[in-house]
Amino acid sequence: MPDPSTEQPPVPALPRTWRPFGPRMAAAVFAVILVGAFAWLWVNFDDETKAAVNDLEKVTVVFFIGLGLVLLNGLARSRVVAREDGLTVVNGYRTRRLTWAEVGTVRFPQGAPWPHLDQGEDERISLLGIHASDGARAATAIRELRAVVAAHQR
């Protein structure tokens, strides 16, 4: 009987996208809380307080709410996509497209929040699309990603 620890997991069909579940849900919840809290606060102000707030102060508050939503969206849109022609890594608002020859080694050190691609020469690309907080889901994603990388680097 073959040793299960040495068997390669099956290579998933491509294209395959990995997204973090926990950070996406946290971003959605915090976005609702952020907008809801400020809306609740404004609605519950008395008329005198509302009249005392000038337009510049309103714009400033709306700006910071928008900035918070942009940052939460950046967290939620992170992903790793494997295609026949290479790997696409989206970390926040930065997208990197790598051919399979550029990918390097997938590493997920114990205790790290997310894996990274080790490209040698002290160059690493974080993979925020796979997050350790997802537990077994992240472990499955890493096994699948490693299988895809191994299949395309032969």
Protein backbone atom coordinates (compact mmCIF):
# COMPACT_ATOMS: atom_id res chain seq x y z
CA MET A 1 0.00 0.00 0.00
CA PRO A 2 1.45 3.41 -0.93
CA ASP A 3 2.28 5.91 1.79
CA PRO A 4 -0.48 8.60 1.78
CA SER A 5 1.94 11.31 2.92
CA THR A 6 4.02 10.92 -0.25
CA GLU A 7 1.10 10.80 -2.68
CA GLN A 8 0.51 13.90 -4.79
CA PRO A 9 -3.02 15.31 -4.44
CA PRO A 10 -5.02 15.45 -7.65
CA VAL A 11 -4.44 18.54 -9.76
CA PRO A 12 -7.66 20.62 -9.83
CA ALA A 13 -9.18 21.64 -13.13
CA LEU A 14 -8.03 25.04 -14.37
CA PRO A 15 -8.86 27.84 -14.15
CA ARG A 16 -9.04 27.58 -10.35
CA THR A 17 -9.53 30.54 -8.00
CA TRP A 18 -8.73 30.58 -4.29
CA ARG A 19 -10.24 33.32 -2.12
CA PRO A 20 -10.08 33.77 1.65
CA PHE A 21 -13.43 33.16 3.35
CA GLY A 22 -12.83 34.65 6.80
CA PRO A 23 -11.29 37.96 5.68
CA ARG A 24 -14.01 38.43 3.04
CA MET A 25 -16.76 37.89 5.61
CA ALA A 26 -14.99 40.16 8.11
CA ALA A 27 -14.70 42.90 5.47
CA ALA A 28 -18.41 42.66 4.65
CA VAL A 29 -19.44 42.74 8.32
CA PHE A 30 -17.14 45.66 9.13
CA ALA A 31 -18.38 47.58 6.08
CA VAL A 32 -21.99 47.20 7.22
CA ILE A 33 -21.03 48.19 10.77
CA LEU A 34 -19.05 51.21 9.56
CA VAL A 35 -21.82 52.59 7.37
CA GLY A 36 -24.59 51.58 9.77
CA ALA A 37 -22.92 53.15 12.82
CA PHE A 38 -22.41 56.51 11.15
CA ALA A 39 -25.92 56.46 9.65
CA TRP A 40 -27.41 55.60 13.07
CA LEU A 41 -25.36 58.32 14.70
CA TRP A 42 -26.48 60.96 12.17
CA VAL A 43 -30.15 59.97 12.37
CA ASN A 44 -30.06 60.18 16.17
CA PHE A 45 -28.47 63.62 16.32
CA ASP A 46 -30.88 66.35 17.32
CA ASP A 47 -31.62 69.13 14.84
CA GLU A 48 -29.34 71.59 16.65
CA THR A 49 -26.35 69.25 16.39
CA LYS A 50 -27.04 68.52 12.71
CA ALA A 51 -27.21 72.27 12.00
CA ALA A 52 -23.87 72.81 13.77
CA VAL A 53 -22.06 70.41 11.41
CA ASN A 54 -20.72 72.35 8.41
CA ASP A 55 -20.24 71.01 4.88
CA LEU A 56 -16.47 70.52 5.26
CA GLU A 57 -17.01 68.34 8.34
CA LYS A 58 -19.62 66.28 6.50
CA VAL A 59 -17.29 65.79 3.53
CA THR A 60 -14.46 64.79 5.88
CA VAL A 61 -16.58 62.13 7.59
CA VAL A 62 -17.83 60.79 4.24
CA PHE A 63 -14.24 60.73 2.97
CA PHE A 64 -13.04 58.61 5.90
CA ILE A 65 -16.01 56.27 5.62
CA GLY A 66 -15.21 55.88 1.91
CA LEU A 67 -11.54 55.29 2.70
CA GLY A 68 -12.50 52.57 5.16
CA LEU A 69 -14.73 50.93 2.56
CA VAL A 70 -11.95 51.07 -0.06
CA LEU A 71 -9.52 49.38 2.36
CA LEU A 72 -12.06 46.70 3.29
CA ASN A 73 -12.78 46.09 -0.40
CA GLY A 74 -9.06 45.66 -1.05
CA LEU A 75 -8.92 42.98 1.62
CA ALA A 76 -12.01 41.24 0.26
CA ARG A 77 -10.87 41.17 -3.38
CA SER A 78 -7.59 39.32 -2.70
CA ARG A 79 -7.32 36.03 -4.59
CA VAL A 80 -5.00 33.59 -6.34
CA VAL A 81 -6.00 32.34 -9.80
CA ALA A 82 -4.27 29.45 -11.55
CA ARG A 83 -4.69 29.23 -15.32
CA GLU A 84 -3.01 27.20 -18.01
CA ASP A 85 -0.71 30.13 -18.84
CA GLY A 86 0.30 31.00 -15.26
CA LEU A 87 -0.69 32.34 -11.89
CA THR A 88 -2.45 35.62 -11.12
CA VAL A 89 -2.02 36.99 -7.61
CA VAL A 90 -4.34 39.79 -6.49
CA ASN A 91 -3.33 41.35 -3.16
CA GLY A 92 -5.60 44.27 -2.43
CA TYR A 93 -5.43 46.52 -5.48
CA ARG A 94 -2.18 45.10 -6.84
CA THR A 95 -2.34 42.38 -9.48
CA ARG A 96 0.67 40.31 -10.51
CA ARG A 97 0.57 37.90 -13.44
CA LEU A 98 3.27 35.25 -13.40
CA THR A 99 4.14 32.62 -15.94
CA TRP A 100 4.71 29.16 -14.49
CA ALA A 101 8.47 29.63 -14.92
CA GLU A 102 8.30 32.70 -12.63
CA VAL A 103 6.23 31.12 -9.86
CA GLY A 104 8.92 29.59 -7.66
CA THR A 105 8.14 27.59 -4.52
CA VAL A 106 4.92 27.82 -2.52
CA ARG A 107 5.74 28.14 1.18
CA PHE A 108 3.39 28.34 4.15
CA PRO A 109 5.53 28.60 7.30
CA GLN A 110 4.02 27.46 10.59
CA GLY A 111 2.21 30.38 12.23
CA ALA A 112 2.24 32.58 9.12
CA PRO A 113 -1.05 34.36 8.33
CA TRP A 114 -0.82 33.50 4.62
CA PRO A 115 1.50 31.62 2.26
CA HIS A 116 3.98 33.19 -0.11
CA LEU A 117 5.81 32.38 -3.32
CA ASP A 118 9.51 32.13 -2.66
CA GLN A 119 11.24 33.23 -5.84
CA GLY A 120 14.78 33.14 -4.48
CA GLU A 121 17.16 36.05 -4.01
CA ASP A 122 15.06 37.20 -1.03
CA GLU A 123 12.08 37.91 -3.28
CA ARG A 124 8.69 36.81 -2.00
CA ILE A 125 5.14 37.38 -3.14
CA SER A 126 2.48 37.10 -0.45
CA LEU A 127 -0.64 35.15 -1.36
CA LEU A 128 -3.39 36.97 0.53
CA GLY A 129 -5.99 34.91 -1.33
CA ILE A 130 -5.25 31.96 0.96
CA HIS A 131 -5.53 32.83 4.63
CA ALA A 132 -4.52 30.69 7.62
CA SER A 133 -7.63 31.81 9.52
CA ASP A 134 -9.66 29.63 7.14
CA GLY A 135 -8.17 26.50 8.76
CA ALA A 136 -8.88 23.31 6.81
CA ARG A 137 -10.03 25.32 3.81
CA ALA A 138 -6.60 27.00 3.66
CA ALA A 139 -4.83 23.63 4.02
CA THR A 140 -6.84 22.25 1.09
CA ALA A 141 -6.10 25.36 -0.98
CA ILE A 142 -2.35 25.03 -0.32
CA ARG A 143 -2.35 21.36 -1.30
CA GLU A 144 -4.22 22.18 -4.51
CA LEU A 145 -1.97 25.13 -5.34
CA ARG A 146 1.18 23.09 -4.74
CA ALA A 147 -0.19 20.32 -6.97
CA VAL A 148 -0.93 22.82 -9.76
CA VAL A 149 2.52 24.43 -9.43
CA ALA A 150 4.24 21.02 -9.44
CA ALA A 151 2.29 19.92 -12.52
CA HIS A 152 3.26 23.04 -14.46
CA GLN A 153 6.91 23.16 -13.44
CA ARG A 154 7.78 19.69 -14.67
